[in-house]
Each structure stands twice: as structure tokens, then as C-alpha cells.
Amino acid sequence: FQKRNIWRYVTIALIISFIAFYPMASQRQSNQ
């Protein structure tokens, strides 16, 4: 494993988690 590859996967994981979480947060705000 190279450190650069790890950072690349970490960045992709953060982006995916953000995209997956953002719609849920926006729905919660609209519901409240």
C-alpha cells in the first residue's frame, strides 16, 4: 500500500459518504 493510494481512497470515501448523507440531512431540515 502506498500512502498516496490510501489518501486517494480516503478522499473518495469521504465524498461518497457526503453525497449519501447530504440528501438525508436536507430532507430532515425540510420536514422540521
PDB file of N, CA and C in Angstrom:
ATOM      1  N   PHE A   1       0.840  -1.198   0.000  1.00  0.00           N
ATOM      2  CA  PHE A   1       0.000   0.000   0.000  1.00  0.00           C
ATOM      3  C   PHE A   1       0.877   1.252   0.000  1.00  0.00           C
ATOM      4  N   GLN A   2       0.553   2.183  -0.876  1.00  0.00           N
ATOM      5  CA  GLN A   2       1.268   3.452  -0.868  1.00  0.00           C
ATOM      6  C   GLN A   2       0.417   4.505  -0.176  1.00  0.00           C
ATOM      7  N   LYS A   3       1.075   5.437   0.510  1.00  0.00           N
ATOM      8  CA  LYS A   3       0.320   6.453   1.240  1.00  0.00           C
ATOM      9  C   LYS A   3      -0.554   7.263   0.288  1.00  0.00           C
ATOM     10  N   ARG A   4      -0.055   7.528  -0.899  1.00  0.00           N
ATOM     11  CA  ARG A   4      -0.851   8.308  -1.853  1.00  0.00           C
ATOM     12  C   ARG A   4      -2.149   7.582  -2.188  1.00  0.00           C
ATOM     13  N   ASN A   5      -2.060   6.255  -2.388  1.00  0.00           N
ATOM     14  CA  ASN A   5      -3.270   5.496  -2.697  1.00  0.00           C
ATOM     15  C   ASN A   5      -4.246   5.541  -1.526  1.00  0.00           C
ATOM     16  N   ILE A   6      -3.736   5.453  -0.303  1.00  0.00           N
ATOM     17  CA  ILE A   6      -4.608   5.488   0.873  1.00  0.00           C
ATOM     18  C   ILE A   6      -5.349   6.815   0.927  1.00  0.00           C
ATOM     19  N   TRP A   7      -4.626   7.911   0.742  1.00  0.00           N
ATOM     20  CA  TRP A   7      -5.279   9.227   0.781  1.00  0.00           C
ATOM     21  C   TRP A   7      -6.309   9.337  -0.338  1.00  0.00           C
ATOM     22  N   ARG A   8      -6.003   8.730  -1.479  1.00  0.00           N
ATOM     23  CA  ARG A   8      -6.952   8.794  -2.593  1.00  0.00           C
ATOM     24  C   ARG A   8      -8.246   8.067  -2.224  1.00  0.00           C
ATOM     25  N   TYR A   9      -8.106   6.862  -1.630  1.00  0.00           N
ATOM     26  CA  TYR A   9      -9.302   6.108  -1.237  1.00  0.00           C
ATOM     27  C   TYR A   9     -10.061   6.828  -0.126  1.00  0.00           C
ATOM     28  N   VAL A  10      -9.327   7.437   0.812  1.00  0.00           N
ATOM     29  CA  VAL A  10      -9.980   8.168   1.912  1.00  0.00           C
ATOM     30  C   VAL A  10     -10.784   9.336   1.355  1.00  0.00           C
ATOM     31  N   THR A  11     -10.212  10.057   0.405  1.00  0.00           N
ATOM     32  CA  THR A  11     -10.927  11.197  -0.183  1.00  0.00           C
ATOM     33  C   THR A  11     -12.190  10.729  -0.903  1.00  0.00           C
ATOM     34  N   ILE A  12     -12.071   9.645  -1.674  1.00  0.00           N
ATOM     35  CA  ILE A  12     -13.238   9.123  -2.385  1.00  0.00           C
ATOM     36  C   ILE A  12     -14.309   8.679  -1.399  1.00  0.00           C
ATOM     37  N   ALA A  13     -13.895   8.025  -0.311  1.00  0.00           N
ATOM     38  CA  ALA A  13     -14.855   7.553   0.693  1.00  0.00           C
ATOM     39  C   ALA A  13     -15.583   8.734   1.333  1.00  0.00           C
ATOM     40  N   LEU A  14     -14.838   9.801   1.623  1.00  0.00           N
ATOM     41  CA  LEU A  14     -15.468  10.980   2.226  1.00  0.00           C
ATOM     42  C   LEU A  14     -16.482  11.594   1.267  1.00  0.00           C
ATOM     43  N   ILE A  15     -16.122  11.679  -0.010  1.00  0.00           N
ATOM     44  CA  ILE A  15     -17.041  12.259  -0.994  1.00  0.00           C
ATOM     45  C   ILE A  15     -18.304  11.409  -1.103  1.00  0.00           C
ATOM     46  N   ILE A  16     -18.133  10.080  -1.166  1.00  0.00           N
ATOM     47  CA  ILE A  16     -19.297   9.192  -1.291  1.00  0.00           C
ATOM     48  C   ILE A  16     -20.191   9.319  -0.063  1.00  0.00           C
ATOM     49  N   SER A  17     -19.578   9.326   1.128  1.00  0.00           N
ATOM     50  CA  SER A  17     -20.370   9.417   2.358  1.00  0.00           C
ATOM     51  C   SER A  17     -21.100  10.762   2.409  1.00  0.00           C
ATOM     52  N   PHE A  18     -20.434  11.836   1.963  1.00  0.00           N
ATOM     53  CA  PHE A  18     -21.063  13.158   1.967  1.00  0.00           C
ATOM     54  C   PHE A  18     -22.259  13.179   1.016  1.00  0.00           C
ATOM     55  N   ILE A  19     -22.075  12.629  -0.182  1.00  0.00           N
ATOM     56  CA  ILE A  19     -23.169  12.612  -1.166  1.00  0.00           C
ATOM     57  C   ILE A  19     -24.335  11.768  -0.638  1.00  0.00           C
ATOM     58  N   ALA A  20     -24.014  10.694   0.081  1.00  0.00           N
ATOM     59  CA  ALA A  20     -25.066   9.816   0.593  1.00  0.00           C
ATOM     60  C   ALA A  20     -25.778  10.452   1.785  1.00  0.00           C
ATOM     61  N   PHE A  21     -25.055  11.267   2.577  1.00  0.00           N
ATOM     62  CA  PHE A  21     -25.631  11.825   3.799  1.00  0.00           C
ATOM     63  C   PHE A  21     -26.363  13.140   3.537  1.00  0.00           C
ATOM     64  N   TYR A  22     -25.917  13.913   2.575  1.00  0.00           N
ATOM     65  CA  TYR A  22     -26.480  15.258   2.355  1.00  0.00           C
ATOM     66  C   TYR A  22     -27.981  15.234   2.050  1.00  0.00           C
ATOM     67  N   PRO A  23     -28.473  14.380   1.160  1.00  0.00           N
ATOM     68  CA  PRO A  23     -29.916  14.354   0.878  1.00  0.00           C
ATOM     69  C   PRO A  23     -30.726  14.050   2.134  1.00  0.00           C
ATOM     70  N   MET A  24     -30.232  13.155   2.992  1.00  0.00           N
ATOM     71  CA  MET A  24     -30.955  12.816   4.222  1.00  0.00           C
ATOM     72  C   MET A  24     -31.038  14.039   5.124  1.00  0.00           C
ATOM     73  N   ALA A  25     -29.943  14.793   5.240  1.00  0.00           N
ATOM     74  CA  ALA A  25     -29.935  15.977   6.102  1.00  0.00           C
ATOM     75  C   ALA A  25     -30.889  17.034   5.544  1.00  0.00           C
ATOM     76  N   SER A  26     -30.917  17.202   4.234  1.00  0.00           N
ATOM     77  CA  SER A  26     -31.787  18.215   3.635  1.00  0.00           C
ATOM     78  C   SER A  26     -33.252  17.827   3.844  1.00  0.00           C
ATOM     79  N   GLN A  27     -33.565  16.540   3.765  1.00  0.00           N
ATOM     80  CA  GLN A  27     -34.937  16.094   3.998  1.00  0.00           C
ATOM     81  C   GLN A  27     -35.342  16.344   5.443  1.00  0.00           C
ATOM     82  N   ARG A  28     -34.403  16.114   6.385  1.00  0.00           N
ATOM     83  CA  ARG A  28     -34.725  16.336   7.793  1.00  0.00           C
ATOM     84  C   ARG A  28     -35.022  17.817   8.031  1.00  0.00           C
ATOM     85  N   GLN A  29     -34.242  18.707   7.421  1.00  0.00           N
ATOM     86  CA  GLN A  29     -34.467  20.144   7.612  1.00  0.00           C
ATOM     87  C   GLN A  29     -35.816  20.551   7.011  1.00  0.00           C
ATOM     88  N   SER A  30     -36.162  20.013   5.874  1.00  0.00           N
ATOM     89  CA  SER A  30     -37.416  20.388   5.226  1.00  0.00           C
ATOM     90  C   SER A  30     -38.594  19.847   6.039  1.00  0.00           C
ATOM     91  N   ASN A  31     -38.446  18.659   6.621  1.00  0.00           N
ATOM     92  CA  ASN A  31     -39.525  18.083   7.425  1.00  0.00           C
ATOM     93  C   ASN A  31     -39.749  18.900   8.694  1.00  0.00           C
ATOM     94  N   GLN A  32     -38.675  19.329   9.325  1.00  0.00           N
ATOM     95  CA  GLN A  32     -38.830  20.110  10.549  1.00  0.00           C
ATOM     96  C   GLN A  32     -39.331  21.514  10.196  1.00  0.00           C
TER      97      GLN A  32
END
